[in-house]
Structure formats: structure tokens, C-alpha cells
């Protein structure tokens, strides 16, 4: 059971990293970057929205991915120790 949760958490972490990296590139309508961004955003945006409700505004820098990644790393470390 924990191995499935570990795998799902790792996949979500990779999706967040892909989303952050793709945010540095322009997403033209219908292009490859736009399609990948849309796919990854469908899974990550609900969590991002939820975390943003509790975080103060930091201007143009969005720290939401960092907060989520830190939390998920703590969760994964706990799961690995129990696996």
C-alpha cells in the first residue's frame, strides 16, 4: 500500500517540477509546451489553488510549488522509513 502512495507522490512531485520548468517557456496556443502545461496543470492546479489560499502574496514570485514540494518530500521521507 505504501509503495503505491510513494509512487503516486513521486509522480506528483515530477509533475510539479515539469510545471515549474515549463513556466519559463512561452506556451503558444496548441503547441507542445501548451499541451503539456495543460495536462500537468489539470492535476497540479487544484493543489496549488488550495495552498495559495493560505499563503501571503509575495509579488511576482510564486512560492507555492516550493511549499508543496517541501511538504511532499517530508511525506515521502516518512513513507520510505515505514516501507
PDB file of N, CA and C in Angstrom:
ATOM      1  N   UNK A   1       0.822  -1.201   0.000  1.00  0.00           N
ATOM      2  CA  UNK A   1       0.000   0.000   0.000  1.00  0.00           C
ATOM      3  C   UNK A   1       0.865   1.264   0.000  1.00  0.00           C
ATOM      4  N   UNK A   2       1.894   1.258   0.868  1.00  0.00           N
ATOM      5  CA  UNK A   2       2.751   2.438   0.926  1.00  0.00           C
ATOM      6  C   UNK A   2       3.538   2.628  -0.360  1.00  0.00           C
ATOM      7  N   UNK A   3       3.879   1.544  -1.039  1.00  0.00           N
ATOM      8  CA  UNK A   3       4.640   1.693  -2.276  1.00  0.00           C
ATOM      9  C   UNK A   3       3.813   2.387  -3.352  1.00  0.00           C
ATOM     10  N   UNK A   4       2.513   2.145  -3.384  1.00  0.00           N
ATOM     11  CA  UNK A   4       1.641   2.830  -4.342  1.00  0.00           C
ATOM     12  C   UNK A   4       1.555   4.309  -3.992  1.00  0.00           C
ATOM     13  N   UNK A   5       1.425   4.618  -2.699  1.00  0.00           N
ATOM     14  CA  UNK A   5       1.385   6.018  -2.274  1.00  0.00           C
ATOM     15  C   UNK A   5       2.715   6.711  -2.544  1.00  0.00           C
ATOM     16  N   UNK A   6       3.806   6.001  -2.312  1.00  0.00           N
ATOM     17  CA  UNK A   6       5.128   6.568  -2.607  1.00  0.00           C
ATOM     18  C   UNK A   6       5.253   6.880  -4.100  1.00  0.00           C
ATOM     19  N   UNK A   7       4.818   5.957  -4.933  1.00  0.00           N
ATOM     20  CA  UNK A   7       4.885   6.153  -6.380  1.00  0.00           C
ATOM     21  C   UNK A   7       4.009   7.328  -6.819  1.00  0.00           C
ATOM     22  N   UNK A   8       2.790   7.395  -6.312  1.00  0.00           N
ATOM     23  CA  UNK A   8       1.882   8.487  -6.674  1.00  0.00           C
ATOM     24  C   UNK A   8       2.444   9.835  -6.232  1.00  0.00           C
ATOM     25  N   UNK A   9       3.033   9.869  -5.054  1.00  0.00           N
ATOM     26  CA  UNK A   9       3.620  11.112  -4.562  1.00  0.00           C
ATOM     27  C   UNK A   9       4.811  11.520  -5.416  1.00  0.00           C
ATOM     28  N   UNK A  10       5.642  10.578  -5.781  1.00  0.00           N
ATOM     29  CA  UNK A  10       6.800  10.872  -6.638  1.00  0.00           C
ATOM     30  C   UNK A  10       6.356  11.384  -8.011  1.00  0.00           C
ATOM     31  N   UNK A  11       5.344  10.779  -8.577  1.00  0.00           N
ATOM     32  CA  UNK A  11       4.828  11.237  -9.874  1.00  0.00           C
ATOM     33  C   UNK A  11       4.319  12.668  -9.760  1.00  0.00           C
ATOM     34  N   UNK A  12       3.610  12.968  -8.677  1.00  0.00           N
ATOM     35  CA  UNK A  12       3.094  14.323  -8.474  1.00  0.00           C
ATOM     36  C   UNK A  12       4.248  15.318  -8.306  1.00  0.00           C
ATOM     37  N   UNK A  13       5.298  14.919  -7.614  1.00  0.00           N
ATOM     38  CA  UNK A  13       6.475  15.783  -7.464  1.00  0.00           C
ATOM     39  C   UNK A  13       7.085  16.079  -8.832  1.00  0.00           C
ATOM     40  N   UNK A  14       7.217  15.063  -9.665  1.00  0.00           N
ATOM     41  CA  UNK A  14       7.769  15.272 -11.008  1.00  0.00           C
ATOM     42  C   UNK A  14       6.859  16.171 -11.843  1.00  0.00           C
ATOM     43  N   UNK A  15       5.563  16.044 -11.675  1.00  0.00           N
ATOM     44  CA  UNK A  15       4.631  16.906 -12.416  1.00  0.00           C
ATOM     45  C   UNK A  15       4.796  18.365 -11.995  1.00  0.00           C
ATOM     46  N   UNK A  16       5.007  18.600 -10.716  1.00  0.00           N
ATOM     47  CA  UNK A  16       5.227  19.969 -10.246  1.00  0.00           C
ATOM     48  C   UNK A  16       6.522  20.523 -10.835  1.00  0.00           C
ATOM     49  N   UNK A  17       7.564  19.717 -10.851  1.00  0.00           N
ATOM     50  CA  UNK A  17       8.840  20.169 -11.420  1.00  0.00           C
ATOM     51  C   UNK A  17       8.685  20.480 -12.905  1.00  0.00           C
ATOM     52  N   UNK A  18       7.978  19.632 -13.635  1.00  0.00           N
ATOM     53  CA  UNK A  18       7.726  19.884 -15.063  1.00  0.00           C
ATOM     54  C   UNK A  18       6.948  21.181 -15.233  1.00  0.00           C
ATOM     55  N   UNK A  19       5.961  21.403 -14.386  1.00  0.00           N
ATOM     56  CA  UNK A  19       5.162  22.626 -14.478  1.00  0.00           C
ATOM     57  C   UNK A  19       6.021  23.864 -14.245  1.00  0.00           C
ATOM     58  N   UNK A  20       6.893  23.804 -13.260  1.00  0.00           N
ATOM     59  CA  UNK A  20       7.768  24.945 -12.971  1.00  0.00           C
ATOM     60  C   UNK A  20       8.711  25.209 -14.141  1.00  0.00           C
ATOM     61  N   UNK A  21       9.319  24.170 -14.676  1.00  0.00           N
ATOM     62  CA  UNK A  21      10.250  24.342 -15.803  1.00  0.00           C
ATOM     63  C   UNK A  21       9.513  24.872 -17.029  1.00  0.00           C
ATOM     64  N   UNK A  22       8.336  24.335 -17.321  1.00  0.00           N
ATOM     65  CA  UNK A  22       7.588  24.790 -18.495  1.00  0.00           C
ATOM     66  C   UNK A  22       7.085  26.222 -18.347  1.00  0.00           C
ATOM     67  N   UNK A  23       6.958  26.703 -17.123  1.00  0.00           N
ATOM     68  CA  UNK A  23       6.503  28.083 -16.935  1.00  0.00           C
ATOM     69  C   UNK A  23       7.544  29.090 -17.423  1.00  0.00           C
ATOM     70  N   UNK A  24       8.767  28.648 -17.635  1.00  0.00           N
ATOM     71  CA  UNK A  24       9.815  29.534 -18.138  1.00  0.00           C
ATOM     72  C   UNK A  24       9.773  29.683 -19.647  1.00  0.00           C
ATOM     73  N   UNK A  25       9.013  28.851 -20.335  1.00  0.00           N
ATOM     74  CA  UNK A  25       8.936  28.876 -21.790  1.00  0.00           C
ATOM     75  C   UNK A  25       7.583  29.430 -22.230  1.00  0.00           C
ATOM     76  N   UNK A  26       7.569  30.168 -23.347  1.00  0.00           N
ATOM     77  CA  UNK A  26       6.285  30.668 -23.839  1.00  0.00           C
ATOM     78  C   UNK A  26       5.420  29.518 -24.362  1.00  0.00           C
ATOM     79  N   UNK A  27       4.162  29.539 -23.983  1.00  0.00           N
ATOM     80  CA  UNK A  27       3.235  28.484 -24.411  1.00  0.00           C
ATOM     81  C   UNK A  27       2.345  29.038 -25.516  1.00  0.00           C
ATOM     82  N   UNK A  28       2.687  28.743 -26.761  1.00  0.00           N
ATOM     83  CA  UNK A  28       1.860  29.180 -27.876  1.00  0.00           C
ATOM     84  C   UNK A  28       0.630  28.279 -27.960  1.00  0.00           C
ATOM     85  N   UNK A  29      -0.439  28.824 -28.432  1.00  0.00           N
ATOM     86  CA  UNK A  29      -1.702  28.088 -28.498  1.00  0.00           C
ATOM     87  C   UNK A  29      -1.562  26.836 -29.356  1.00  0.00           C
ATOM     88  N   UNK A  30      -1.864  25.689 -28.768  1.00  0.00           N
ATOM     89  CA  UNK A  30      -1.822  24.429 -29.493  1.00  0.00           C
ATOM     90  C   UNK A  30      -0.443  23.823 -29.634  1.00  0.00           C
ATOM     91  N   UNK A  31       0.585  24.507 -29.131  1.00  0.00           N
ATOM     92  CA  UNK A  31       1.944  23.980 -29.236  1.00  0.00           C
ATOM     93  C   UNK A  31       2.206  22.873 -28.222  1.00  0.00           C
ATOM     94  N   UNK A  32       3.367  22.258 -28.363  1.00  0.00           N
ATOM     95  CA  UNK A  32       3.746  21.146 -27.488  1.00  0.00           C
ATOM     96  C   UNK A  32       3.813  21.587 -26.029  1.00  0.00           C
ATOM     97  N   UNK A  33       4.436  22.741 -25.787  1.00  0.00           N
ATOM     98  CA  UNK A  33       4.557  23.243 -24.417  1.00  0.00           C
ATOM     99  C   UNK A  33       3.180  23.527 -23.837  1.00  0.00           C
ATOM    100  N   UNK A  34       2.290  24.091 -24.637  1.00  0.00           N
ATOM    101  CA  UNK A  34       0.939  24.387 -24.160  1.00  0.00           C
ATOM    102  C   UNK A  34       0.178  23.115 -23.826  1.00  0.00           C
ATOM    103  N   UNK A  35       0.331  22.084 -24.624  1.00  0.00           N
ATOM    104  CA  UNK A  35      -0.374  20.825 -24.365  1.00  0.00           C
ATOM    105  C   UNK A  35       0.126  20.156 -23.093  1.00  0.00           C
ATOM    106  N   UNK A  36       1.431  20.121 -22.915  1.00  0.00           N
ATOM    107  CA  UNK A  36       1.996  19.522 -21.704  1.00  0.00           C
ATOM    108  C   UNK A  36       1.612  20.357 -20.481  1.00  0.00           C
ATOM    109  N   UNK A  37       1.677  21.678 -20.607  1.00  0.00           N
ATOM    110  CA  UNK A  37       1.303  22.557 -19.496  1.00  0.00           C
ATOM    111  C   UNK A  37      -0.150  22.361 -19.104  1.00  0.00           C
ATOM    112  N   UNK A  38      -1.010  22.215 -20.092  1.00  0.00           N
ATOM    113  CA  UNK A  38      -2.429  21.997 -19.809  1.00  0.00           C
ATOM    114  C   UNK A  38      -2.634  20.665 -19.088  1.00  0.00           C
ATOM    115  N   UNK A  39      -1.985  19.613 -19.568  1.00  0.00           N
ATOM    116  CA  UNK A  39      -2.122  18.289 -18.960  1.00  0.00           C
ATOM    117  C   UNK A  39      -1.629  18.295 -17.514  1.00  0.00           C
ATOM    118  N   UNK A  40      -0.439  18.845 -17.295  1.00  0.00           N
ATOM    119  CA  UNK A  40       0.128  18.884 -15.946  1.00  0.00           C
ATOM    120  C   UNK A  40      -0.691  19.814 -15.051  1.00  0.00           C
ATOM    121  N   UNK A  41      -1.145  20.921 -15.601  1.00  0.00           N
ATOM    122  CA  UNK A  41      -1.936  21.875 -14.828  1.00  0.00           C
ATOM    123  C   UNK A  41      -3.253  21.314 -14.334  1.00  0.00           C
ATOM    124  N   UNK A  42      -3.849  20.420 -15.101  1.00  0.00           N
ATOM    125  CA  UNK A  42      -5.112  19.806 -14.671  1.00  0.00           C
ATOM    126  C   UNK A  42      -4.945  19.024 -13.377  1.00  0.00           C
ATOM    127  N   UNK A  43      -3.776  18.450 -13.157  1.00  0.00           N
ATOM    128  CA  UNK A  43      -3.535  17.669 -11.944  1.00  0.00           C
ATOM    129  C   UNK A  43      -2.980  18.515 -10.800  1.00  0.00           C
ATOM    130  N   UNK A  44      -2.170  19.510 -11.129  1.00  0.00           N
ATOM    131  CA  UNK A  44      -1.493  20.272 -10.081  1.00  0.00           C
ATOM    132  C   UNK A  44      -2.258  21.511  -9.627  1.00  0.00           C
ATOM    133  N   UNK A  45      -3.046  22.113 -10.492  1.00  0.00           N
ATOM    134  CA  UNK A  45      -3.703  23.380 -10.158  1.00  0.00           C
ATOM    135  C   UNK A  45      -4.643  23.291  -8.958  1.00  0.00           C
ATOM    136  N   UNK A  46      -5.427  22.226  -8.779  1.00  0.00           N
ATOM    137  CA  UNK A  46      -6.278  22.175  -7.577  1.00  0.00           C
ATOM    138  C   UNK A  46      -5.472  22.250  -6.274  1.00  0.00           C
ATOM    139  N   UNK A  47      -4.334  21.598  -6.226  1.00  0.00           N
ATOM    140  CA  UNK A  47      -3.490  21.653  -5.028  1.00  0.00           C
ATOM    141  C   UNK A  47      -2.864  23.039  -4.901  1.00  0.00           C
ATOM    142  N   UNK A  48      -2.406  23.605  -6.007  1.00  0.00           N
ATOM    143  CA  UNK A  48      -1.824  24.946  -5.985  1.00  0.00           C
ATOM    144  C   UNK A  48      -2.846  25.959  -5.477  1.00  0.00           C
ATOM    145  N   UNK A  49      -4.076  25.894  -5.976  1.00  0.00           N
ATOM    146  CA  UNK A  49      -5.119  26.827  -5.539  1.00  0.00           C
ATOM    147  C   UNK A  49      -5.375  26.715  -4.046  1.00  0.00           C
ATOM    148  N   UNK A  50      -5.425  25.494  -3.548  1.00  0.00           N
ATOM    149  CA  UNK A  50      -5.697  25.276  -2.134  1.00  0.00           C
ATOM    150  C   UNK A  50      -4.576  25.862  -1.270  1.00  0.00           C
ATOM    151  N   UNK A  51      -3.324  25.645  -1.663  1.00  0.00           N
ATOM    152  CA  UNK A  51      -2.190  26.164  -0.892  1.00  0.00           C
ATOM    153  C   UNK A  51      -2.126  27.682  -0.990  1.00  0.00           C
ATOM    154  N   UNK A  52      -2.426  28.251  -2.141  1.00  0.00           N
ATOM    155  CA  UNK A  52      -2.381  29.712  -2.319  1.00  0.00           C
ATOM    156  C   UNK A  52      -3.358  30.433  -1.399  1.00  0.00           C
ATOM    157  N   UNK A  53      -4.436  29.777  -1.013  1.00  0.00           N
ATOM    158  CA  UNK A  53      -5.396  30.413  -0.104  1.00  0.00           C
ATOM    159  C   UNK A  53      -4.768  30.720   1.251  1.00  0.00           C
ATOM    160  N   UNK A  54      -3.771  29.948   1.653  1.00  0.00           N
ATOM    161  CA  UNK A  54      -3.177  30.103   2.978  1.00  0.00           C
ATOM    162  C   UNK A  54      -1.838  30.830   2.967  1.00  0.00           C
ATOM    163  N   UNK A  55      -1.322  31.126   1.793  1.00  0.00           N
ATOM    164  CA  UNK A  55      -0.020  31.784   1.684  1.00  0.00           C
ATOM    165  C   UNK A  55      -0.188  33.273   1.417  1.00  0.00           C
ATOM    166  N   UNK A  56       0.674  34.094   2.042  1.00  0.00           N
ATOM    167  CA  UNK A  56       0.627  35.527   1.732  1.00  0.00           C
ATOM    168  C   UNK A  56       1.190  35.794   0.338  1.00  0.00           C
ATOM    169  N   UNK A  57       0.751  36.880  -0.261  1.00  0.00           N
ATOM    170  CA  UNK A  57       1.247  37.275  -1.585  1.00  0.00           C
ATOM    171  C   UNK A  57       2.714  37.676  -1.482  1.00  0.00           C
ATOM    172  N   UNK A  58       3.509  37.254  -2.453  1.00  0.00           N
ATOM    173  CA  UNK A  58       4.931  37.605  -2.475  1.00  0.00           C
ATOM    174  C   UNK A  58       5.290  38.387  -3.734  1.00  0.00           C
ATOM    175  N   UNK A  59       4.330  39.022  -4.344  1.00  0.00           N
ATOM    176  CA  UNK A  59       4.591  39.773  -5.570  1.00  0.00           C
ATOM    177  C   UNK A  59       4.550  38.863  -6.778  1.00  0.00           C
ATOM    178  N   UNK A  60       5.541  39.005  -7.650  1.00  0.00           N
ATOM    179  CA  UNK A  60       5.549  38.218  -8.883  1.00  0.00           C
ATOM    180  C   UNK A  60       6.109  36.815  -8.687  1.00  0.00           C
ATOM    181  N   UNK A  61       6.743  36.554  -7.548  1.00  0.00           N
ATOM    182  CA  UNK A  61       7.340  35.247  -7.284  1.00  0.00           C
ATOM    183  C   UNK A  61       6.320  34.353  -6.587  1.00  0.00           C
ATOM    184  N   UNK A  62       5.994  33.236  -7.218  1.00  0.00           N
ATOM    185  CA  UNK A  62       5.035  32.282  -6.659  1.00  0.00           C
ATOM    186  C   UNK A  62       5.805  31.181  -5.932  1.00  0.00           C
ATOM    187  N   UNK A  63       5.677  31.154  -4.620  1.00  0.00           N
ATOM    188  CA  UNK A  63       6.386  30.168  -3.805  1.00  0.00           C
ATOM    189  C   UNK A  63       5.566  28.908  -3.559  1.00  0.00           C
ATOM    190  N   UNK A  64       4.391  28.835  -4.148  1.00  0.00           N
ATOM    191  CA  UNK A  64       3.515  27.683  -3.948  1.00  0.00           C
ATOM    192  C   UNK A  64       4.186  26.361  -4.316  1.00  0.00           C
ATOM    193  N   UNK A  65       4.848  26.248  -5.474  1.00  0.00           N
ATOM    194  CA  UNK A  65       5.490  24.964  -5.792  1.00  0.00           C
ATOM    195  C   UNK A  65       6.539  24.558  -4.757  1.00  0.00           C
ATOM    196  N   UNK A  66       7.284  25.523  -4.255  1.00  0.00           N
ATOM    197  CA  UNK A  66       8.307  25.218  -3.257  1.00  0.00           C
ATOM    198  C   UNK A  66       7.681  24.673  -1.978  1.00  0.00           C
ATOM    199  N   UNK A  67       6.615  25.300  -1.518  1.00  0.00           N
ATOM    200  CA  UNK A  67       5.934  24.849  -0.302  1.00  0.00           C
ATOM    201  C   UNK A  67       5.386  23.440  -0.491  1.00  0.00           C
ATOM    202  N   UNK A  68       4.761  23.197  -1.625  1.00  0.00           N
ATOM    203  CA  UNK A  68       4.186  21.870  -1.888  1.00  0.00           C
ATOM    204  C   UNK A  68       5.291  20.820  -1.993  1.00  0.00           C
ATOM    205  N   UNK A  69       6.378  21.147  -2.684  1.00  0.00           N
ATOM    206  CA  UNK A  69       7.479  20.191  -2.820  1.00  0.00           C
ATOM    207  C   UNK A  69       8.112  19.864  -1.469  1.00  0.00           C
ATOM    208  N   UNK A  70       8.290  20.866  -0.627  1.00  0.00           N
ATOM    209  CA  UNK A  70       8.841  20.604   0.706  1.00  0.00           C
ATOM    210  C   UNK A  70       7.923  19.693   1.511  1.00  0.00           C
ATOM    211  N   UNK A  71       6.632  19.978   1.466  1.00  0.00           N
ATOM    212  CA  UNK A  71       5.670  19.141   2.186  1.00  0.00           C
ATOM    213  C   UNK A  71       5.688  17.705   1.660  1.00  0.00           C
ATOM    214  N   UNK A  72       5.679  17.554   0.349  1.00  0.00           N
ATOM    215  CA  UNK A  72       5.671  16.210  -0.234  1.00  0.00           C
ATOM    216  C   UNK A  72       6.964  15.453   0.056  1.00  0.00           C
ATOM    217  N   UNK A  73       8.077  16.152   0.092  1.00  0.00           N
ATOM    218  CA  UNK A  73       9.339  15.487   0.428  1.00  0.00           C
ATOM    219  C   UNK A  73       9.305  14.960   1.861  1.00  0.00           C
ATOM    220  N   UNK A  74       8.726  15.737   2.762  1.00  0.00           N
ATOM    221  CA  UNK A  74       8.581  15.277   4.146  1.00  0.00           C
ATOM    222  C   UNK A  74       7.679  14.057   4.199  1.00  0.00           C
ATOM    223  N   UNK A  75       6.590  14.077   3.450  1.00  0.00           N
ATOM    224  CA  UNK A  75       5.668  12.937   3.414  1.00  0.00           C
ATOM    225  C   UNK A  75       6.368  11.703   2.855  1.00  0.00           C
ATOM    226  N   UNK A  76       7.106  11.873   1.764  1.00  0.00           N
ATOM    227  CA  UNK A  76       7.801  10.742   1.143  1.00  0.00           C
ATOM    228  C   UNK A  76       8.854  10.178   2.095  1.00  0.00           C
ATOM    229  N   UNK A  77       9.590  11.039   2.756  1.00  0.00           N
ATOM    230  CA  UNK A  77      10.602  10.564   3.704  1.00  0.00           C
ATOM    231  C   UNK A  77       9.951   9.726   4.802  1.00  0.00           C
ATOM    232  N   UNK A  78       8.801  10.160   5.288  1.00  0.00           N
ATOM    233  CA  UNK A  78       8.084   9.396   6.305  1.00  0.00           C
ATOM    234  C   UNK A  78       7.606   8.055   5.780  1.00  0.00           C
ATOM    235  N   UNK A  79       7.136   8.023   4.534  1.00  0.00           N
ATOM    236  CA  UNK A  79       6.662   6.773   3.940  1.00  0.00           C
ATOM    237  C   UNK A  79       7.806   5.802   3.705  1.00  0.00           C
ATOM    238  N   UNK A  80       8.934   6.322   3.251  1.00  0.00           N
ATOM    239  CA  UNK A  80      10.069   5.452   2.968  1.00  0.00           C
ATOM    240  C   UNK A  80      10.574   4.809   4.254  1.00  0.00           C
ATOM    241  N   UNK A  81      10.568   5.560   5.333  1.00  0.00           N
ATOM    242  CA  UNK A  81      11.014   4.991   6.596  1.00  0.00           C
ATOM    243  C   UNK A  81      10.070   3.894   7.075  1.00  0.00           C
ATOM    244  N   UNK A  82       8.811   3.976   6.702  1.00  0.00           N
ATOM    245  CA  UNK A  82       7.829   2.974   7.107  1.00  0.00           C
ATOM    246  C   UNK A  82       7.732   1.817   6.125  1.00  0.00           C
ATOM    247  N   UNK A  83       8.220   1.994   4.906  1.00  0.00           N
ATOM    248  CA  UNK A  83       8.110   0.937   3.892  1.00  0.00           C
ATOM    249  C   UNK A  83       9.014  -0.227   4.196  1.00  0.00           C
TER     250      UNK A  83
END
